[in-house]
């Protein structure tokens, strides 16, 4: 029986107790724990889980102790930095890895909503000085469609028809970003879960991210290239982090999800045209035309 199958058989209530106990212990030992030097910030439904699992195989890249996405800088910022530290390995563990590999270990986590929450970038730029950020981007039309299928399957979307959900998006999101900026404690369910079209305007999020952390600390990867030539994309990520290729890596696609119904050709054409200027601006970040525009 695989490790994944075993995990899936553990009751949710047990997982919650174990997770709570681990984080409680983590808070008590937070001063002895590392903070991450890398954040995988999105985009959502762009392969972040696959990249996370590839990065976590590197002996000098340390994942969180509980789960890949902590969501501290978007929805849990009020819990405080000791709570955040509780999610990461100890400094003693990092020292042992440094002694074994001769490399300075890098802690990391992956929370795709960080790219989109209007306060996240300024928060982690302040709390994690020098942090590096990796962002994946994919065909924004396919991303939006996949996002809707994902939210529907999770029970977070009650508009089953993708085109109808796209039509409702502007009204659902109206004023939400302004309120998130004005009221840091505010949480917007629709902003987190229903921004299907908005999230494919990648440069609208990359540009303020660069203002916060510096463009030289951001690596943007094309998901199409990551899935067709994973070794090349992964090597770029390692160079960005200043780490050598150390060990063997298995690359796989995770969290792929089918679509409940086809997209109409008219909607696809409309969205493709909508994204054209955003994709053109994205070429500067990728060093060439996005794979879906070739």
Protein backbone atom coordinates (compact mmCIF):
# COMPACT_ATOMS: atom_id res chain seq x y z
CA UNK A 1 0.00 0.00 0.00
CA UNK A 2 1.42 3.39 -0.99
CA UNK A 3 2.20 6.17 1.49
CA UNK A 4 -0.40 8.35 -0.25
CA UNK A 5 -3.08 5.64 0.13
CA UNK A 6 -2.25 5.31 3.81
CA UNK A 7 -2.55 9.07 4.30
CA UNK A 8 -5.92 9.11 2.53
CA UNK A 9 -7.22 6.42 4.94
CA UNK A 10 -6.40 8.48 8.01
CA UNK A 11 -9.65 10.10 9.26
CA UNK A 12 -9.85 13.86 8.87
CA UNK A 13 -10.39 14.28 12.60
CA UNK A 14 -7.12 12.45 13.32
CA UNK A 15 -5.24 14.53 10.76
CA UNK A 16 -6.58 17.70 12.38
CA UNK A 17 -5.46 16.61 15.86
CA UNK A 18 -2.00 15.62 14.61
CA UNK A 19 -1.64 18.87 12.69
CA UNK A 20 -2.73 20.94 15.68
CA UNK A 21 -0.34 19.09 18.00
CA UNK A 22 2.57 19.55 15.59
CA UNK A 23 1.92 23.28 15.23
CA UNK A 24 1.49 23.70 18.99
CA UNK A 25 4.88 22.09 19.54
CA UNK A 26 6.24 24.24 16.71
CA UNK A 27 5.07 27.44 18.40
CA UNK A 28 6.75 26.42 21.63
CA UNK A 29 10.02 25.95 19.73
CA UNK A 30 9.56 28.73 17.16
CA UNK A 31 12.71 30.61 18.13
CA UNK A 32 14.75 27.54 17.18
CA UNK A 33 13.15 27.19 13.75
CA UNK A 34 14.12 28.57 10.33
CA UNK A 35 12.12 30.95 8.19
CA UNK A 36 11.82 30.28 4.46
CA UNK A 37 14.09 31.84 1.88
CA UNK A 38 11.82 30.82 -1.00
CA UNK A 39 8.11 31.17 -1.67
CA UNK A 40 6.29 29.53 -4.55
CA UNK A 41 3.52 32.09 -4.96
CA UNK A 42 1.40 30.83 -7.82
CA UNK A 43 -0.20 31.11 -10.17
CA UNK A 44 -3.07 28.96 -9.08
CA UNK A 45 -3.71 25.82 -11.20
CA UNK A 46 -0.36 26.37 -12.93
CA UNK A 47 1.61 23.40 -11.61
CA UNK A 48 2.68 24.73 -8.22
CA UNK A 49 2.09 21.37 -6.51
CA UNK A 50 4.23 19.59 -9.09
CA UNK A 51 7.03 22.13 -8.66
CA UNK A 52 6.73 21.94 -4.87
CA UNK A 53 7.18 18.17 -4.90
CA UNK A 54 10.14 18.41 -7.25
CA UNK A 55 11.86 21.06 -5.11
CA UNK A 56 11.20 19.09 -1.92
CA UNK A 57 13.31 16.22 -3.29
CA UNK A 58 16.46 18.38 -3.17
CA UNK A 59 18.41 17.65 0.03
CA UNK A 60 19.13 21.34 0.67
CA UNK A 61 15.56 22.59 0.10
CA UNK A 62 13.47 22.17 3.23
CA UNK A 63 9.69 21.93 3.01
CA UNK A 64 7.23 22.79 5.82
CA UNK A 65 6.76 20.13 8.48
CA UNK A 66 2.98 19.78 7.97
CA UNK A 67 1.72 20.80 4.52
CA UNK A 68 2.92 22.67 1.47
CA UNK A 69 0.85 25.85 1.80
CA UNK A 70 0.89 27.77 5.08
CA UNK A 71 -1.15 30.76 3.81
CA UNK A 72 0.30 33.01 6.47
CA UNK A 73 0.82 36.12 4.36
CA UNK A 74 -2.68 36.06 2.89
CA UNK A 75 -5.33 34.63 5.23
CA UNK A 76 -3.49 33.92 8.51
CA UNK A 77 -1.29 36.99 9.00
CA UNK A 78 -2.99 37.90 12.25
CA UNK A 79 -1.62 34.74 13.89
CA UNK A 80 1.86 36.27 14.10
CA UNK A 81 5.36 35.26 13.07
CA UNK A 82 5.90 32.62 15.82
CA UNK A 83 2.87 30.75 14.43
CA UNK A 84 4.42 30.91 10.96
CA UNK A 85 7.83 29.70 12.16
CA UNK A 86 6.10 26.72 13.76
CA UNK A 87 5.56 25.26 10.30
CA UNK A 88 9.25 24.93 9.41
CA UNK A 89 12.16 22.66 10.34
CA UNK A 90 14.48 23.46 13.21
CA UNK A 91 17.77 25.28 12.87
CA UNK A 92 19.48 22.15 14.24
CA UNK A 93 18.04 20.08 11.37
CA UNK A 94 19.22 22.72 8.91
CA UNK A 95 22.71 22.61 10.40
CA UNK A 96 22.87 18.82 10.03
CA UNK A 97 21.89 19.11 6.38
CA UNK A 98 24.50 21.83 5.84
CA UNK A 99 27.17 19.59 7.35
CA UNK A 100 26.08 16.67 5.18
CA UNK A 101 25.75 18.52 1.86
CA UNK A 102 28.13 21.45 2.26
CA UNK A 103 25.25 23.72 1.18
CA UNK A 104 23.27 26.37 3.00
CA UNK A 105 19.73 24.91 3.25
CA UNK A 106 16.75 26.94 2.03
CA UNK A 107 13.33 26.61 3.62
CA UNK A 108 10.30 27.06 1.39
CA UNK A 109 6.56 26.77 1.11
CA UNK A 110 3.96 27.08 -1.65
CA UNK A 111 0.81 29.19 -1.19
CA UNK A 112 -0.58 30.22 -4.61
CA UNK A 113 -2.94 32.86 -3.19
CA UNK A 114 0.12 34.92 -2.16
CA UNK A 115 0.42 36.17 -5.74
CA UNK A 116 -3.11 37.55 -5.72
CA UNK A 117 -3.80 38.84 -2.22
CA UNK A 118 -3.17 42.61 -2.36
CA UNK A 119 -1.24 42.72 0.96
CA UNK A 120 0.77 39.49 0.76
CA UNK A 121 3.81 40.78 -1.16
CA UNK A 122 4.45 43.76 1.10
CA UNK A 123 4.05 41.50 4.13
CA UNK A 124 6.61 38.89 3.08
CA UNK A 125 8.96 41.55 1.70
CA UNK A 126 8.96 43.07 5.21
CA UNK A 127 9.05 39.86 7.26
CA UNK A 128 11.36 37.80 5.02
CA UNK A 129 14.00 40.26 3.77
CA UNK A 130 15.86 38.82 0.80
CA UNK A 131 13.22 36.16 0.11
CA UNK A 132 13.12 34.74 -3.42
CA UNK A 133 9.88 34.03 -5.26
CA UNK A 134 9.00 31.56 -8.00
CA UNK A 135 5.82 32.04 -10.04
CA UNK A 136 4.47 29.62 -12.64
CA UNK A 137 2.19 30.78 -15.45
CA UNK A 138 0.15 28.80 -17.96
CA UNK A 139 -2.34 29.45 -20.74
CA UNK A 140 -4.71 31.81 -18.86
CA UNK A 141 -7.78 30.47 -20.65
CA UNK A 142 -7.00 26.91 -19.61
CA UNK A 143 -6.03 28.16 -16.15
CA UNK A 144 -9.40 29.85 -15.63
CA UNK A 145 -11.30 26.80 -16.84
CA UNK A 146 -9.25 24.49 -14.61
CA UNK A 147 -9.72 26.86 -11.66
CA UNK A 148 -13.50 26.75 -12.02
CA UNK A 149 -13.52 22.93 -12.24
CA UNK A 150 -11.29 22.76 -9.16
CA UNK A 151 -13.46 25.06 -7.05
CA UNK A 152 -16.63 23.28 -8.17
CA UNK A 153 -15.19 19.88 -7.24
CA UNK A 154 -14.16 21.18 -3.82
CA UNK A 155 -17.66 22.51 -3.15
CA UNK A 156 -16.51 26.16 -3.19
CA UNK A 157 -18.45 27.09 -6.33
CA UNK A 158 -22.22 26.78 -6.75
CA UNK A 159 -22.35 28.11 -10.34
CA UNK A 160 -21.68 24.88 -12.22
CA UNK A 161 -21.51 26.43 -15.68
CA UNK A 162 -18.11 27.98 -16.40
CA UNK A 163 -19.44 30.68 -18.71
CA UNK A 164 -22.05 31.71 -16.14
CA UNK A 165 -19.36 31.88 -13.44
CA UNK A 166 -17.23 34.08 -15.69
CA UNK A 167 -20.27 36.30 -16.23
CA UNK A 168 -20.78 36.64 -12.46
CA UNK A 169 -17.13 37.34 -11.67
CA UNK A 170 -17.08 41.13 -11.87
CA UNK A 171 -20.06 41.50 -9.55
CA UNK A 172 -18.67 38.95 -7.09
CA UNK A 173 -15.31 40.72 -6.91
CA UNK A 174 -16.56 44.29 -6.97
CA UNK A 175 -14.87 46.27 -4.21
CA UNK A 176 -13.25 43.22 -2.61
CA UNK A 177 -9.64 44.17 -3.31
CA UNK A 178 -10.20 47.68 -1.98
CA UNK A 179 -11.74 46.28 1.18
CA UNK A 180 -8.85 43.81 1.66
CA UNK A 181 -6.42 46.71 1.47
CA UNK A 182 -8.44 48.95 3.76
CA UNK A 183 -9.28 46.24 6.32
CA UNK A 184 -6.31 43.89 6.78
CA UNK A 185 -8.37 41.51 8.91
CA UNK A 186 -11.05 41.14 6.24
CA UNK A 187 -11.41 37.82 4.42
CA UNK A 188 -13.09 37.57 1.02
CA UNK A 189 -14.25 34.11 -0.04
CA UNK A 190 -14.97 35.21 -3.60
CA UNK A 191 -11.63 36.98 -3.96
CA UNK A 192 -9.84 33.77 -2.97
CA UNK A 193 -12.00 31.29 -4.88
CA UNK A 194 -13.93 32.95 -7.73
CA UNK A 195 -11.42 35.17 -9.59
CA UNK A 196 -11.25 32.99 -12.69
CA UNK A 197 -10.51 35.56 -15.40
CA UNK A 198 -8.71 38.08 -13.20
CA UNK A 199 -5.97 35.67 -12.15
CA UNK A 200 -4.78 35.11 -15.70
CA UNK A 201 -3.74 38.75 -16.02
CA UNK A 202 -0.38 37.72 -14.67
CA UNK A 203 1.54 40.93 -15.14
CA UNK A 204 -1.01 42.83 -13.05
CA UNK A 205 0.32 40.81 -10.10
CA UNK A 206 3.95 40.39 -11.12
CA UNK A 207 4.58 44.13 -11.43
CA UNK A 208 3.57 45.06 -7.84
CA UNK A 209 5.36 41.91 -6.62
CA UNK A 210 8.56 43.20 -8.25
CA UNK A 211 8.09 46.58 -6.58
CA UNK A 212 7.89 44.84 -3.21
CA UNK A 213 10.75 42.31 -3.41
CA UNK A 214 12.79 43.37 -6.45
CA UNK A 215 12.54 41.88 -9.92
CA UNK A 216 15.89 40.09 -9.56
CA UNK A 217 14.39 38.00 -6.77
CA UNK A 218 11.53 36.68 -8.93
CA UNK A 219 11.70 33.74 -11.34
CA UNK A 220 8.76 33.24 -13.68
CA UNK A 221 8.44 29.79 -15.25
CA UNK A 222 6.18 28.79 -18.15
CA UNK A 223 4.17 25.77 -16.98
CA UNK A 224 3.93 24.48 -20.54
CA UNK A 225 7.71 24.25 -20.65
CA UNK A 226 7.89 22.85 -17.12
CA UNK A 227 5.64 19.93 -18.06
CA UNK A 228 7.22 19.24 -21.45
CA UNK A 229 10.87 19.78 -20.40
CA UNK A 230 10.86 19.54 -16.59
CA UNK A 231 14.63 19.07 -16.28
CA UNK A 232 15.34 22.36 -18.05
CA UNK A 233 12.83 24.35 -15.97
CA UNK A 234 14.02 22.72 -12.76
CA UNK A 235 17.64 23.51 -13.55
CA UNK A 236 16.64 27.16 -14.02
CA UNK A 237 15.01 27.09 -10.59
CA UNK A 238 18.15 25.63 -9.01
CA UNK A 239 20.38 28.26 -10.67
CA UNK A 240 18.01 30.94 -9.38
CA UNK A 241 18.46 29.54 -5.87
CA UNK A 242 22.22 29.15 -6.23
CA UNK A 243 22.05 25.38 -5.69
CA UNK A 244 23.62 22.54 -7.66
CA UNK A 245 21.76 19.61 -9.17
CA UNK A 246 22.24 17.11 -6.35
CA UNK A 247 20.66 13.67 -6.53
CA UNK A 248 17.95 12.16 -8.72
CA UNK A 249 14.60 13.87 -9.25
CA UNK A 250 11.25 12.44 -10.28
CA UNK A 251 8.97 14.82 -12.14
CA UNK A 252 5.22 14.18 -12.25
CA UNK A 253 2.07 16.15 -12.82
CA UNK A 254 -0.08 16.50 -9.71
CA UNK A 255 -3.61 17.78 -9.09
CA UNK A 256 -4.65 17.55 -12.74
CA UNK A 257 -8.44 17.66 -12.96
CA UNK A 258 -10.92 16.92 -15.74
CA UNK A 259 -13.53 19.40 -16.90
CA UNK A 260 -17.22 18.66 -16.26
CA UNK A 261 -18.33 20.26 -19.54
CA UNK A 262 -16.71 21.67 -22.71
CA UNK A 263 -15.97 25.35 -23.15
CA UNK A 264 -17.85 27.03 -25.97
CA UNK A 265 -15.68 28.13 -28.92
CA UNK A 266 -17.11 31.65 -28.60
CA UNK A 267 -16.07 31.97 -24.95
CA UNK A 268 -12.63 30.56 -25.68
CA UNK A 269 -12.13 33.07 -28.49
CA UNK A 270 -13.33 35.94 -26.30
CA UNK A 271 -11.00 35.03 -23.44
CA UNK A 272 -8.05 34.45 -25.77
CA UNK A 273 -8.53 37.93 -27.21
CA UNK A 274 -8.95 39.40 -23.72
CA UNK A 275 -5.59 38.04 -22.59
CA UNK A 276 -3.62 39.08 -25.67
CA UNK A 277 -2.16 42.34 -24.24
CA UNK A 278 -1.38 40.68 -20.91
CA UNK A 279 0.41 37.82 -22.64
CA UNK A 280 2.42 40.32 -24.68
CA UNK A 281 3.64 42.01 -21.48
CA UNK A 282 4.40 38.61 -19.97
CA UNK A 283 7.00 37.93 -22.68
CA UNK A 284 9.39 40.33 -20.92
CA UNK A 285 9.21 38.16 -17.79
CA UNK A 286 9.67 34.87 -19.64
CA UNK A 287 12.35 36.04 -22.03
CA UNK A 288 10.18 35.14 -25.00
CA UNK A 289 6.66 34.48 -26.22
CA UNK A 290 4.57 32.35 -23.82
CA UNK A 291 4.26 28.73 -24.96
CA UNK A 292 0.50 29.03 -25.53
CA UNK A 293 0.99 31.92 -27.96
CA UNK A 294 3.52 30.17 -30.21
